[in-house]
Structures are given as C-alpha cells and as structure tokens.
Amino acid sequence: MLEAKEMALIAARALDAKKGKDIRVLEIDKITTLADYFVICTGASNTQINALCDEVERELSAQGEEPLHREGYRGGTWVLLDYGCVAIHVFNNEARQFYSLEHLWADGKDVDLSGVLTED
C-alpha cells in the first residue's frame, strides 16, 4: 500500500499528463478526518474530465490502489475519486469556481508540486 502523500502525488502527475489545469494538492489531515489529502484539478470539457479521471485510476491501479468510490462520472461537471486517505476532485471551470474547495479548505497546507508537474 502506498502512503497517502505518494498517492496524491501520483494522482497529480497523472492529471498533469492529461493536461489538467490548475492542479493543487492540499494536505488536510490536521483539520479533518475526511481524508489526508485533496487533489484538485480543472478539466476543459466533459471528455477531458473523464480522461483525467481514467488516467488517475490507471496510474493508481498500476500501484495496487483502487478507488473506494467514484461519484459524478457521467455528470461531467465534478468527478470525485475517493481513495480513503486521498480524495481527487476534477471539476469543469464553472463548478470549481462555484464550490471553491481551496477557499473552503483554506486551513489546509498546499503541497509543493515543483518537480512533480511539468511546466507549460
């Protein structure tokens, strides 16, 4: 089994590989029991959101990790992949602005993704 941070970073790399935008990883273990990390990303379309989620699942599955729950896959505005200690949120732009998880979880700590994500 992977450590929570390692899972979050693998998810961030997978999202980056499929051109996800504004990828953030928040460490929230000190402020909630929901998860240790949130991974947040924006996709440009329903098709890209599905491709982003598929890539995350493929990469984590290759490491022996399967999601406990998947929500919103067909809706295409916000997909949640729940891995227990890591929750991956992939939004379209409007839903991300509306739900504003970064603001809601502002007490969480941003994880440095330099060296994890490619530069545009």
PDB file of N, CA and C in Angstrom:
ATOM      1  N   MET A   1       0.832  -1.192   0.000  1.00  0.00           N
ATOM      2  CA  MET A   1       0.000   0.000   0.000  1.00  0.00           C
ATOM      3  C   MET A   1       0.867   1.243   0.000  1.00  0.00           C
ATOM      4  N   LEU A   2       0.425   2.205  -0.790  1.00  0.00           N
ATOM      5  CA  LEU A   2       1.149   3.465  -0.885  1.00  0.00           C
ATOM      6  C   LEU A   2       0.813   4.372   0.285  1.00  0.00           C
ATOM      7  N   GLU A   3       1.743   5.238   0.619  1.00  0.00           N
ATOM      8  CA  GLU A   3       1.471   6.295   1.591  1.00  0.00           C
ATOM      9  C   GLU A   3       0.531   7.310   0.941  1.00  0.00           C
ATOM     10  N   ALA A   4      -0.235   8.010   1.769  1.00  0.00           N
ATOM     11  CA  ALA A   4      -1.224   8.968   1.260  1.00  0.00           C
ATOM     12  C   ALA A   4      -0.583  10.046   0.388  1.00  0.00           C
ATOM     13  N   LYS A   5       0.532  10.604   0.830  1.00  0.00           N
ATOM     14  CA  LYS A   5       1.168  11.669   0.055  1.00  0.00           C
ATOM     15  C   LYS A   5       1.641  11.143  -1.293  1.00  0.00           C
ATOM     16  N   GLU A   6       2.194   9.945  -1.305  1.00  0.00           N
ATOM     17  CA  GLU A   6       2.650   9.343  -2.562  1.00  0.00           C
ATOM     18  C   GLU A   6       1.479   9.146  -3.525  1.00  0.00           C
ATOM     19  N   MET A   7       0.341   8.696  -2.998  1.00  0.00           N
ATOM     20  CA  MET A   7      -0.854   8.549  -3.834  1.00  0.00           C
ATOM     21  C   MET A   7      -1.281   9.892  -4.415  1.00  0.00           C
ATOM     22  N   ALA A   8      -1.277  10.921  -3.581  1.00  0.00           N
ATOM     23  CA  ALA A   8      -1.682  12.257  -4.032  1.00  0.00           C
ATOM     24  C   ALA A   8      -0.758  12.764  -5.136  1.00  0.00           C
ATOM     25  N   LEU A   9       0.537  12.526  -4.982  1.00  0.00           N
ATOM     26  CA  LEU A   9       1.494  12.988  -5.991  1.00  0.00           C
ATOM     27  C   LEU A   9       1.376  12.194  -7.287  1.00  0.00           C
ATOM     28  N   ILE A  10       1.112  10.894  -7.195  1.00  0.00           N
ATOM     29  CA  ILE A  10       0.881  10.085  -8.406  1.00  0.00           C
ATOM     30  C   ILE A  10      -0.361  10.607  -9.127  1.00  0.00           C
ATOM     31  N   ALA A  11      -1.407  10.916  -8.368  1.00  0.00           N
ATOM     32  CA  ALA A  11      -2.627  11.467  -8.974  1.00  0.00           C
ATOM     33  C   ALA A  11      -2.343  12.800  -9.650  1.00  0.00           C
ATOM     34  N   ALA A  12      -1.573  13.661  -8.999  1.00  0.00           N
ATOM     35  CA  ALA A  12      -1.241  14.969  -9.584  1.00  0.00           C
ATOM     36  C   ALA A  12      -0.462  14.791 -10.885  1.00  0.00           C
ATOM     37  N   ARG A  13       0.508  13.863 -10.900  1.00  0.00           N
ATOM     38  CA  ARG A  13       1.277  13.603 -12.125  1.00  0.00           C
ATOM     39  C   ARG A  13       0.375  13.081 -13.244  1.00  0.00           C
ATOM     40  N   ALA A  14      -0.548  12.192 -12.890  1.00  0.00           N
ATOM     41  CA  ALA A  14      -1.470  11.631 -13.885  1.00  0.00           C
ATOM     42  C   ALA A  14      -2.357  12.726 -14.470  1.00  0.00           C
ATOM     43  N   LEU A  15      -2.848  13.618 -13.628  1.00  0.00           N
ATOM     44  CA  LEU A  15      -3.672  14.731 -14.102  1.00  0.00           C
ATOM     45  C   LEU A  15      -2.860  15.650 -15.014  1.00  0.00           C
ATOM     46  N   ASP A  16      -1.634  15.892 -14.625  1.00  0.00           N
ATOM     47  CA  ASP A  16      -0.747  16.728 -15.434  1.00  0.00           C
ATOM     48  C   ASP A  16      -0.465  16.077 -16.795  1.00  0.00           C
ATOM     49  N   ALA A  17      -0.318  14.762 -16.810  1.00  0.00           N
ATOM     50  CA  ALA A  17      -0.025  14.042 -18.056  1.00  0.00           C
ATOM     51  C   ALA A  17      -1.157  14.186 -19.072  1.00  0.00           C
ATOM     52  N   LYS A  18      -2.369  14.376 -18.585  1.00  0.00           N
ATOM     53  CA  LYS A  18      -3.532  14.544 -19.467  1.00  0.00           C
ATOM     54  C   LYS A  18      -3.951  16.009 -19.586  1.00  0.00           C
ATOM     55  N   LYS A  19      -3.005  16.911 -19.258  1.00  0.00           N
ATOM     56  CA  LYS A  19      -3.199  18.359 -19.439  1.00  0.00           C
ATOM     57  C   LYS A  19      -4.265  18.957 -18.539  1.00  0.00           C
ATOM     58  N   GLY A  20      -4.435  18.410 -17.335  1.00  0.00           N
ATOM     59  CA  GLY A  20      -5.311  19.041 -16.354  1.00  0.00           C
ATOM     60  C   GLY A  20      -4.754  20.409 -15.992  1.00  0.00           C
ATOM     61  N   LYS A  21      -5.630  21.315 -15.639  1.00  0.00           N
ATOM     62  CA  LYS A  21      -5.223  22.695 -15.335  1.00  0.00           C
ATOM     63  C   LYS A  21      -5.347  22.983 -13.850  1.00  0.00           C
ATOM     64  N   ASP A  22      -4.514  23.909 -13.378  1.00  0.00           N
ATOM     65  CA  ASP A  22      -4.559  24.424 -12.005  1.00  0.00           C
ATOM     66  C   ASP A  22      -4.625  23.284 -10.988  1.00  0.00           C
ATOM     67  N   ILE A  23      -3.674  22.377 -11.073  1.00  0.00           N
ATOM     68  CA  ILE A  23      -3.624  21.212 -10.184  1.00  0.00           C
ATOM     69  C   ILE A  23      -3.073  21.644  -8.829  1.00  0.00           C
ATOM     70  N   ARG A  24      -3.807  21.293  -7.790  1.00  0.00           N
ATOM     71  CA  ARG A  24      -3.363  21.593  -6.426  1.00  0.00           C
ATOM     72  C   ARG A  24      -3.529  20.364  -5.559  1.00  0.00           C
ATOM     73  N   VAL A  25      -2.630  20.213  -4.620  1.00  0.00           N
ATOM     74  CA  VAL A  25      -2.731  19.163  -3.616  1.00  0.00           C
ATOM     75  C   VAL A  25      -2.735  19.863  -2.260  1.00  0.00           C
ATOM     76  N   LEU A  26      -3.798  19.604  -1.487  1.00  0.00           N
ATOM     77  CA  LEU A  26      -3.926  20.188  -0.155  1.00  0.00           C
ATOM     78  C   LEU A  26      -3.775  19.097   0.898  1.00  0.00           C
ATOM     79  N   GLU A  27      -2.903  19.341   1.856  1.00  0.00           N
ATOM     80  CA  GLU A  27      -2.753  18.441   2.996  1.00  0.00           C
ATOM     81  C   GLU A  27      -3.766  18.883   4.048  1.00  0.00           C
ATOM     82  N   ILE A  28      -4.730  18.011   4.354  1.00  0.00           N
ATOM     83  CA  ILE A  28      -5.820  18.395   5.245  1.00  0.00           C
ATOM     84  C   ILE A  28      -5.930  17.478   6.469  1.00  0.00           C
ATOM     85  N   ASP A  29      -4.956  16.616   6.668  1.00  0.00           N
ATOM     86  CA  ASP A  29      -5.041  15.630   7.747  1.00  0.00           C
ATOM     87  C   ASP A  29      -5.107  16.240   9.138  1.00  0.00           C
ATOM     88  N   LYS A  30      -4.614  17.446   9.315  1.00  0.00           N
ATOM     89  CA  LYS A  30      -4.612  18.096  10.632  1.00  0.00           C
ATOM     90  C   LYS A  30      -5.956  18.772  10.933  1.00  0.00           C
ATOM     91  N   ILE A  31      -6.824  18.913   9.916  1.00  0.00           N
ATOM     92  CA  ILE A  31      -8.063  19.667  10.126  1.00  0.00           C
ATOM     93  C   ILE A  31      -9.336  18.865   9.894  1.00  0.00           C
ATOM     94  N   THR A  32      -9.220  17.629   9.410  1.00  0.00           N
ATOM     95  CA  THR A  32     -10.409  16.815   9.181  1.00  0.00           C
ATOM     96  C   THR A  32     -10.044  15.335   9.176  1.00  0.00           C
ATOM     97  N   THR A  33     -11.054  14.514   9.348  1.00  0.00           N
ATOM     98  CA  THR A  33     -10.854  13.075   9.232  1.00  0.00           C
ATOM     99  C   THR A  33     -11.362  12.554   7.888  1.00  0.00           C
ATOM    100  N   LEU A  34     -11.842  13.459   7.024  1.00  0.00           N
ATOM    101  CA  LEU A  34     -12.366  13.051   5.715  1.00  0.00           C
ATOM    102  C   LEU A  34     -11.305  12.381   4.862  1.00  0.00           C
ATOM    103  N   ALA A  35     -10.127  12.952   4.868  1.00  0.00           N
ATOM    104  CA  ALA A  35      -9.009  12.454   4.055  1.00  0.00           C
ATOM    105  C   ALA A  35      -7.739  13.120   4.562  1.00  0.00           C
ATOM    106  N   ASP A  36      -6.608  12.613   4.107  1.00  0.00           N
ATOM    107  CA  ASP A  36      -5.330  13.255   4.428  1.00  0.00           C
ATOM    108  C   ASP A  36      -4.977  14.310   3.389  1.00  0.00           C
ATOM    109  N   TYR A  37      -5.390  14.054   2.131  1.00  0.00           N
ATOM    110  CA  TYR A  37      -5.067  14.966   1.031  1.00  0.00           C
ATOM    111  C   TYR A  37      -6.265  15.122   0.109  1.00  0.00           C
ATOM    112  N   PHE A  38      -6.436  16.338  -0.402  1.00  0.00           N
ATOM    113  CA  PHE A  38      -7.329  16.613  -1.522  1.00  0.00           C
ATOM    114  C   PHE A  38      -6.442  16.922  -2.714  1.00  0.00           C
ATOM    115  N   VAL A  39      -6.758  16.329  -3.850  1.00  0.00           N
ATOM    116  CA  VAL A  39      -6.124  16.688  -5.115  1.00  0.00           C
ATOM    117  C   VAL A  39      -7.223  17.350  -5.937  1.00  0.00           C
ATOM    118  N   ILE A  40      -6.954  18.561  -6.417  1.00  0.00           N
ATOM    119  CA  ILE A  40      -7.972  19.351  -7.122  1.00  0.00           C
ATOM    120  C   ILE A  40      -7.435  19.733  -8.484  1.00  0.00           C
ATOM    121  N   CYS A  41      -8.302  19.627  -9.491  1.00  0.00           N
ATOM    122  CA  CYS A  41      -7.881  19.875 -10.872  1.00  0.00           C
ATOM    123  C   CYS A  41      -9.076  20.374 -11.680  1.00  0.00           C
ATOM    124  N   THR A  42      -8.788  21.103 -12.747  1.00  0.00           N
ATOM    125  CA  THR A  42      -9.816  21.566 -13.672  1.00  0.00           C
ATOM    126  C   THR A  42      -9.601  20.923 -15.032  1.00  0.00           C
ATOM    127  N   GLY A  43     -10.701  20.435 -15.620  1.00  0.00           N
ATOM    128  CA  GLY A  43     -10.692  19.915 -16.978  1.00  0.00           C
ATOM    129  C   GLY A  43     -11.494  20.843 -17.878  1.00  0.00           C
ATOM    130  N   ALA A  44     -11.147  20.876 -19.150  1.00  0.00           N
ATOM    131  CA  ALA A  44     -11.757  21.821 -20.081  1.00  0.00           C
ATOM    132  C   ALA A  44     -13.115  21.372 -20.613  1.00  0.00           C
ATOM    133  N   SER A  45     -13.394  20.080 -20.556  1.00  0.00           N
ATOM    134  CA  SER A  45     -14.644  19.559 -21.126  1.00  0.00           C
ATOM    135  C   SER A  45     -15.011  18.268 -20.405  1.00  0.00           C
ATOM    136  N   ASN A  46     -16.221  17.798 -20.633  1.00  0.00           N
ATOM    137  CA  ASN A  46     -16.642  16.523 -20.051  1.00  0.00           C
ATOM    138  C   ASN A  46     -15.714  15.396 -20.494  1.00  0.00           C
ATOM    139  N   THR A  47     -15.350  15.420 -21.757  1.00  0.00           N
ATOM    140  CA  THR A  47     -14.462  14.389 -22.293  1.00  0.00           C
ATOM    141  C   THR A  47     -13.112  14.421 -21.599  1.00  0.00           C
ATOM    142  N   GLN A  48     -12.551  15.608 -21.406  1.00  0.00           N
ATOM    143  CA  GLN A  48     -11.260  15.694 -20.741  1.00  0.00           C
ATOM    144  C   GLN A  48     -11.373  15.301 -19.270  1.00  0.00           C
ATOM    145  N   ILE A  49     -12.442  15.701 -18.603  1.00  0.00           N
ATOM    146  CA  ILE A  49     -12.629  15.330 -17.199  1.00  0.00           C
ATOM    147  C   ILE A  49     -12.633  13.808 -17.061  1.00  0.00           C
ATOM    148  N   ASN A  50     -13.341  13.134 -17.944  1.00  0.00           N
ATOM    149  CA  ASN A  50     -13.367  11.665 -17.910  1.00  0.00           C
ATOM    150  C   ASN A  50     -11.983  11.083 -18.190  1.00  0.00           C
ATOM    151  N   ALA A  51     -11.259  11.662 -19.148  1.00  0.00           N
ATOM    152  CA  ALA A  51      -9.907  11.188 -19.462  1.00  0.00           C
ATOM    153  C   ALA A  51      -8.968  11.413 -18.283  1.00  0.00           C
ATOM    154  N   LEU A  52      -9.102  12.550 -17.605  1.00  0.00           N
ATOM    155  CA  LEU A  52      -8.274  12.833 -16.429  1.00  0.00           C
ATOM    156  C   LEU A  52      -8.508  11.785 -15.341  1.00  0.00           C
ATOM    157  N   CYS A  53      -9.778  11.502 -15.074  1.00  0.00           N
ATOM    158  CA  CYS A  53     -10.114  10.513 -14.038  1.00  0.00           C
ATOM    159  C   CYS A  53      -9.655   9.114 -14.432  1.00  0.00           C
ATOM    160  N   ASP A  54      -9.827   8.776 -15.693  1.00  0.00           N
ATOM    161  CA  ASP A  54      -9.370   7.467 -16.170  1.00  0.00           C
ATOM    162  C   ASP A  54      -7.861   7.317 -15.978  1.00  0.00           C
ATOM    163  N   GLU A  55      -7.111   8.382 -16.254  1.00  0.00           N
ATOM    164  CA  GLU A  55      -5.651   8.331 -16.115  1.00  0.00           C
ATOM    165  C   GLU A  55      -5.240   8.164 -14.647  1.00  0.00           C
ATOM    166  N   VAL A  56      -5.906   8.879 -13.758  1.00  0.00           N
ATOM    167  CA  VAL A  56      -5.615   8.738 -12.329  1.00  0.00           C
ATOM    168  C   VAL A  56      -5.884   7.295 -11.890  1.00  0.00           C
ATOM    169  N   GLU A  57      -7.039   6.779 -12.274  1.00  0.00           N
ATOM    170  CA  GLU A  57      -7.373   5.401 -11.902  1.00  0.00           C
ATOM    171  C   GLU A  57      -6.371   4.404 -12.479  1.00  0.00           C
ATOM    172  N   ARG A  58      -5.953   4.619 -13.711  1.00  0.00           N
ATOM    173  CA  ARG A  58      -4.995   3.714 -14.351  1.00  0.00           C
ATOM    174  C   ARG A  58      -3.658   3.729 -13.605  1.00  0.00           C
ATOM    175  N   GLU A  59      -3.180   4.922 -13.302  1.00  0.00           N
ATOM    176  CA  GLU A  59      -1.877   5.039 -12.629  1.00  0.00           C
ATOM    177  C   GLU A  59      -1.913   4.470 -11.207  1.00  0.00           C
ATOM    178  N   LEU A  60      -2.978   4.758 -10.466  1.00  0.00           N
ATOM    179  CA  LEU A  60      -3.057   4.242  -9.102  1.00  0.00           C
ATOM    180  C   LEU A  60      -3.339   2.743  -9.090  1.00  0.00           C
ATOM    181  N   SER A  61      -4.115   2.273 -10.052  1.00  0.00           N
ATOM    182  CA  SER A  61      -4.384   0.841 -10.156  1.00  0.00           C
ATOM    183  C   SER A  61      -3.093   0.069 -10.426  1.00  0.00           C
ATOM    184  N   ALA A  62      -2.208   0.662 -11.226  1.00  0.00           N
ATOM    185  CA  ALA A  62      -0.921   0.036 -11.519  1.00  0.00           C
ATOM    186  C   ALA A  62      -0.078  -0.110 -10.254  1.00  0.00           C
ATOM    187  N   GLN A  63      -0.385   0.703  -9.239  1.00  0.00           N
ATOM    188  CA  GLN A  63       0.317   0.631  -7.958  1.00  0.00           C
ATOM    189  C   GLN A  63      -0.471  -0.184  -6.922  1.00  0.00           C
ATOM    190  N   GLY A  64      -1.565  -0.814  -7.374  1.00  0.00           N
ATOM    191  CA  GLY A  64      -2.361  -1.653  -6.485  1.00  0.00           C
ATOM    192  C   GLY A  64      -3.425  -0.920  -5.699  1.00  0.00           C
ATOM    193  N   GLU A  65      -3.705   0.324  -6.079  1.00  0.00           N
ATOM    194  CA  GLU A  65      -4.701   1.121  -5.359  1.00  0.00           C
ATOM    195  C   GLU A  65      -5.957   1.285  -6.220  1.00  0.00           C
ATOM    196  N   GLU A  66      -7.092   0.936  -5.650  1.00  0.00           N
ATOM    197  CA  GLU A  66      -8.375   1.069  -6.345  1.00  0.00           C
ATOM    198  C   GLU A  66      -9.254   2.052  -5.582  1.00  0.00           C
ATOM    199  N   PRO A  67     -10.073   2.835  -6.287  1.00  0.00           N
ATOM    200  CA  PRO A  67     -10.939   3.780  -5.580  1.00  0.00           C
ATOM    201  C   PRO A  67     -11.998   3.047  -4.754  1.00  0.00           C
ATOM    202  N   LEU A  68     -12.300   3.614  -3.604  1.00  0.00           N
ATOM    203  CA  LEU A  68     -13.373   3.085  -2.772  1.00  0.00           C
ATOM    204  C   LEU A  68     -14.728   3.491  -3.345  1.00  0.00           C
ATOM    205  N   HIS A  69     -14.729   4.655  -3.996  1.00  0.00           N
ATOM    206  CA  HIS A  69     -15.978   5.193  -4.523  1.00  0.00           C
ATOM    207  C   HIS A  69     -15.672   6.191  -5.638  1.00  0.00           C
ATOM    208  N   ARG A  70     -16.548   6.227  -6.608  1.00  0.00           N
ATOM    209  CA  ARG A  70     -16.449   7.194  -7.712  1.00  0.00           C
ATOM    210  C   ARG A  70     -17.814   7.858  -7.816  1.00  0.00           C
ATOM    211  N   GLU A  71     -17.825   9.176  -7.853  1.00  0.00           N
ATOM    212  CA  GLU A  71     -19.084   9.915  -7.881  1.00  0.00           C
ATOM    213  C   GLU A  71     -19.053  10.959  -8.995  1.00  0.00           C
ATOM    214  N   GLY A  72     -20.171  11.090  -9.700  1.00  0.00           N
ATOM    215  CA  GLY A  72     -20.311  12.155 -10.686  1.00  0.00           C
ATOM    216  C   GLY A  72     -19.717  11.872 -12.041  1.00  0.00           C
ATOM    217  N   TYR A  73     -19.308  10.648 -12.311  1.00  0.00           N
ATOM    218  CA  TYR A  73     -18.585  10.345 -13.556  1.00  0.00           C
ATOM    219  C   TYR A  73     -19.363  10.727 -14.809  1.00  0.00           C
ATOM    220  N   ARG A  74     -20.651  10.457 -14.834  1.00  0.00           N
ATOM    221  CA  ARG A  74     -21.436  10.764 -16.033  1.00  0.00           C
ATOM    222  C   ARG A  74     -21.840  12.224 -16.117  1.00  0.00           C
ATOM    223  N   GLY A  75     -21.917  12.902 -14.973  1.00  0.00           N
ATOM    224  CA  GLY A  75     -22.350  14.298 -14.957  1.00  0.00           C
ATOM    225  C   GLY A  75     -21.378  15.228 -15.655  1.00  0.00           C
ATOM    226  N   GLY A  76     -20.107  14.968 -15.476  1.00  0.00           N
ATOM    227  CA  GLY A  76     -19.087  15.714 -16.204  1.00  0.00           C
ATOM    228  C   GLY A  76     -18.752  17.095 -15.684  1.00  0.00           C
ATOM    229  N   THR A  77     -19.378  17.556 -14.580  1.00  0.00           N
ATOM    230  CA  THR A  77     -19.013  18.873 -14.054  1.00  0.00           C
ATOM    231  C   THR A  77     -18.090  18.757 -12.843  1.00  0.00           C
ATOM    232  N   TRP A  78     -18.228  17.655 -12.107  1.00  0.00           N
ATOM    233  CA  TRP A  78     -17.377  17.421 -10.942  1.00  0.00           C
ATOM    234  C   TRP A  78     -17.329  15.922 -10.711  1.00  0.00           C
ATOM    235  N   VAL A  79     -16.160  15.351 -10.785  1.00  0.00           N
ATOM    236  CA  VAL A  79     -15.980  13.928 -10.503  1.00  0.00           C
ATOM    237  C   VAL A  79     -15.112  13.806  -9.265  1.00  0.00           C
ATOM    238  N   LEU A  80     -15.547  12.956  -8.348  1.00  0.00           N
ATOM    239  CA  LEU A  80     -14.795  12.661  -7.135  1.00  0.00           C
ATOM    240  C   LEU A  80     -14.328  11.218  -7.188  1.00  0.00           C
ATOM    241  N   LEU A  81     -13.039  11.022  -7.017  1.00  0.00           N
ATOM    242  CA  LEU A  81     -12.459   9.690  -6.850  1.00  0.00           C
ATOM    243  C   LEU A  81     -12.001   9.596  -5.400  1.00  0.00           C
ATOM    244  N   ASP A  82     -12.621   8.702  -4.653  1.00  0.00           N
ATOM    245  CA  ASP A  82     -12.340   8.568  -3.226  1.00  0.00           C
ATOM    246  C   ASP A  82     -11.446   7.362  -2.997  1.00  0.00           C
ATOM    247  N   TYR A  83     -10.232   7.622  -2.541  1.00  0.00           N
ATOM    248  CA  TYR A  83      -9.288   6.560  -2.221  1.00  0.00           C
ATOM    249  C   TYR A  83      -9.091   6.438  -0.708  1.00  0.00           C
ATOM    250  N   GLY A  84     -10.045   6.950   0.052  1.00  0.00           N
ATOM    251  CA  GLY A  84      -9.954   6.891   1.503  1.00  0.00           C
ATOM    252  C   GLY A  84      -9.102   8.018   2.047  1.00  0.00           C
ATOM    253  N   CYS A  85      -7.801   7.845   2.029  1.00  0.00           N
ATOM    254  CA  CYS A  85      -6.907   8.875   2.543  1.00  0.00           C
ATOM    255  C   CYS A  85      -6.654  10.002   1.544  1.00  0.00           C
ATOM    256  N   VAL A  86      -7.044   9.800   0.298  1.00  0.00           N
ATOM    257  CA  VAL A  86      -6.883  10.813  -0.747  1.00  0.00           C
ATOM    258  C   VAL A  86      -8.198  10.942  -1.514  1.00  0.00           C
ATOM    259  N   ALA A  87      -8.659  12.182  -1.649  1.00  0.00           N
ATOM    260  CA  ALA A  87      -9.854  12.462  -2.443  1.00  0.00           C
ATOM    261  C   ALA A  87      -9.435  13.321  -3.628  1.00  0.00           C
ATOM    262  N   ILE A  88      -9.748  12.854  -4.823  1.00  0.00           N
ATOM    263  CA  ILE A  88      -9.375  13.558  -6.050  1.00  0.00           C
ATOM    264  C   ILE A  88     -10.632  14.188  -6.628  1.00  0.00           C
ATOM    265  N   HIS A  89     -10.589  15.504  -6.798  1.00  0.00           N
ATOM    266  CA  HIS A  89     -11.717  16.270  -7.307  1.00  0.00           C
ATOM    267  C   HIS A  89     -11.330  16.839  -8.675  1.00  0.00           C
ATOM    268  N   VAL A  90     -12.094  16.487  -9.703  1.00  0.00           N
ATOM    269  CA  VAL A  90     -11.839  17.015 -11.044  1.00  0.00           C
ATOM    270  C   VAL A  90     -13.104  17.766 -11.469  1.00  0.00           C
ATOM    271  N   PHE A  91     -12.956  19.053 -11.669  1.00  0.00           N
ATOM    272  CA  PHE A  91     -14.067  19.948 -11.961  1.00  0.00           C
ATOM    273  C   PHE A  91     -14.000  20.502 -13.378  1.00  0.00           C
ATOM    274  N   ASN A  92     -15.145  20.964 -13.900  1.00  0.00           N
ATOM    275  CA  ASN A  92     -15.068  21.908 -15.002  1.00  0.00           C
ATOM    276  C   ASN A  92     -14.855  23.270 -14.345  1.00  0.00           C
ATOM    277  N   ASN A  93     -14.539  24.285 -15.131  1.00  0.00           N
ATOM    278  CA  ASN A  93     -14.169  25.581 -14.583  1.00  0.00           C
ATOM    279  C   ASN A  93     -15.286  26.197 -13.739  1.00  0.00           C
ATOM    280  N   GLU A  94     -16.511  26.141 -14.229  1.00  0.00           N
ATOM    281  CA  GLU A  94     -17.629  26.763 -13.519  1.00  0.00           C
ATOM    282  C   GLU A  94     -17.877  26.088 -12.163  1.00  0.00           C
ATOM    283  N   ALA A  95     -17.854  24.765 -12.129  1.00  0.00           N
ATOM    284  CA  ALA A  95     -18.083  24.044 -10.875  1.00  0.00           C
ATOM    285  C   ALA A  95     -16.949  24.310  -9.885  1.00  0.00           C
ATOM    286  N   ARG A  96     -15.727  24.399 -10.379  1.00  0.00           N
ATOM    287  CA  ARG A  96     -14.607  24.662  -9.470  1.00  0.00           C
ATOM    288  C   ARG A  96     -14.748  26.027  -8.824  1.00  0.00           C
ATOM    289  N   GLN A  97     -15.133  27.009  -9.623  1.00  0.00           N
ATOM    290  CA  GLN A  97     -15.338  28.344  -9.059  1.00  0.00           C
ATOM    291  C   GLN A  97     -16.505  28.352  -8.073  1.00  0.00           C
ATOM    292  N   PHE A  98     -17.582  27.650  -8.404  1.00  0.00           N
ATOM    293  CA  PHE A  98     -18.763  27.630  -7.559  1.00  0.00           C
ATOM    294  C   PHE A  98     -18.481  26.969  -6.203  1.00  0.00           C
ATOM    295  N   TYR A  99     -17.863  25.785  -6.220  1.00  0.00           N
ATOM    296  CA  TYR A  99     -17.629  25.044  -4.982  1.00  0.00           C
ATOM    297  C   TYR A  99     -16.415  25.553  -4.208  1.00  0.00           C
ATOM    298  N   SER A 100     -15.457  26.125  -4.899  1.00  0.00           N
ATOM    299  CA  SER A 100     -14.302  26.794  -4.298  1.00  0.00           C
ATOM    300  C   SER A 100     -13.696  26.011  -3.118  1.00  0.00           C
ATOM    301  N   LEU A 101     -13.323  24.758  -3.393  1.00  0.00           N
ATOM    302  CA  LEU A 101     -12.762  23.914  -2.329  1.00  0.00           C
ATOM    303  C   LEU A 101     -11.505  24.516  -1.713  1.00  0.00           C
ATOM    304  N   GLU A 102     -10.699  25.192  -2.524  1.00  0.00           N
ATOM    305  CA  GLU A 102      -9.484  25.802  -1.980  1.00  0.00           C
ATOM    306  C   GLU A 102      -9.826  26.838  -0.910  1.00  0.00           C
ATOM    307  N   HIS A 103     -10.900  27.578  -1.129  1.00  0.00           N
ATOM    308  CA  HIS A 103     -11.334  28.575  -0.141  1.00  0.00           C
ATOM    309  C   HIS A 103     -11.927  27.876   1.085  1.00  0.00           C
ATOM    310  N   LEU A 104     -12.764  26.874   0.829  1.00  0.00           N
ATOM    311  CA  LEU A 104     -13.414  26.139   1.909  1.00  0.00           C
ATOM    312  C   LEU A 104     -12.393  25.447   2.814  1.00  0.00           C
ATOM    313  N   TRP A 105     -11.329  24.935   2.225  1.00  0.00           N
ATOM    314  CA  TRP A 105     -10.297  24.223   2.964  1.00  0.00           C
ATOM    315  C   TRP A 105      -9.016  25.052   3.057  1.00  0.00           C
ATOM    316  N   ALA A 106      -9.164  26.367   3.221  1.00  0.00           N
ATOM    317  CA  ALA A 106      -8.015  27.280   3.242  1.00  0.00           C
ATOM    318  C   ALA A 106      -7.054  26.998   4.397  1.00  0.00           C
ATOM    319  N   ASP A 107      -7.527  26.322   5.432  1.00  0.00           N
ATOM    320  CA  ASP A 107      -6.642  25.975   6.543  1.00  0.00           C
ATOM    321  C   ASP A 107      -5.734  24.792   6.210  1.00  0.00           C
ATOM    322  N   GLY A 108      -5.995  24.146   5.076  1.00  0.00           N
ATOM    323  CA  GLY A 108      -5.130  23.063   4.621  1.00  0.00           C
ATOM    324  C   GLY A 108      -3.802  23.623   4.129  1.00  0.00           C
ATOM    325  N   LYS A 109      -2.814  22.755   4.045  1.00  0.00           N
ATOM    326  CA  LYS A 109      -1.473  23.174   3.623  1.00  0.00           C
ATOM    327  C   LYS A 109      -1.256  22.778   2.165  1.00  0.00           C
ATOM    328  N   ASP A 110      -0.872  23.752   1.335  1.00  0.00           N
ATOM    329  CA  ASP A 110      -0.536  23.461  -0.060  1.00  0.00           C
ATOM    330  C   ASP A 110       0.728  22.612  -0.112  1.00  0.00           C
ATOM    331  N   VAL A 111       0.678  21.549  -0.892  1.00  0.00           N
ATOM    332  CA  VAL A 111       1.848  20.700  -1.093  1.00  0.00           C
ATOM    333  C   VAL A 111       2.622  21.255  -2.296  1.00  0.00           C
ATOM    334  N   ASP A 112       3.917  21.388  -2.133  1.00  0.00           N
ATOM    335  CA  ASP A 112       4.772  21.896  -3.210  1.00  0.00           C
ATOM    336  C   ASP A 112       4.813  20.872  -4.342  1.00  0.00           C
ATOM    337  N   LEU A 113       4.393  21.298  -5.527  1.00  0.00           N
ATOM    338  CA  LEU A 113       4.354  20.398  -6.677  1.00  0.00           C
ATOM    339  C   LEU A 113       5.471  20.675  -7.673  1.00  0.00           C
ATOM    340  N   SER A 114       6.427  21.524  -7.308  1.00  0.00           N
ATOM    341  CA  SER A 114       7.554  21.750  -8.207  1.00  0.00           C
ATOM    342  C   SER A 114       8.338  20.440  -8.292  1.00  0.00           C
ATOM    343  N   GLY A 115       8.691  20.072  -9.484  1.00  0.00           N
ATOM    344  CA  GLY A 115       9.348  18.792  -9.711  1.00  0.00           C
ATOM    345  C   GLY A 115       8.371  17.650  -9.914  1.00  0.00           C
ATOM    346  N   VAL A 116       7.083  17.884  -9.675  1.00  0.00           N
ATOM    347  CA  VAL A 116       6.053  16.874  -9.897  1.00  0.00           C
ATOM    348  C   VAL A 116       5.319  17.172 -11.184  1.00  0.00           C
ATOM    349  N   LEU A 117       4.963  18.446 -11.379  1.00  0.00           N
ATOM    350  CA  LEU A 117       4.218  18.854 -12.581  1.00  0.00           C
ATOM    351  C   LEU A 117       5.170  19.388 -13.626  1.00  0.00           C
ATOM    352  N   THR A 118       4.790  19.199 -14.899  1.00  0.00           N
ATOM    353  CA  THR A 118       5.571  19.788 -15.974  1.00  0.00           C
ATOM    354  C   THR A 118       5.224  21.261 -16.099  1.00  0.00           C
ATOM    355  N   GLU A 119       6.134  22.029 -16.605  1.00  0.00           N
ATOM    356  CA  GLU A 119       5.870  23.457 -16.795  1.00  0.00           C
ATOM    357  C   GLU A 119       5.286  23.667 -18.167  1.00  0.00           C
ATOM    358  N   ASP A 120       4.294  24.556 -18.240  1.00  0.00           N
ATOM    359  CA  ASP A 120       3.659  24.859 -19.530  1.00  0.00           C
ATOM    360  C   ASP A 120       4.529  25.724 -20.384  1.00  0.00           C
TER     361      ASP A 120
END
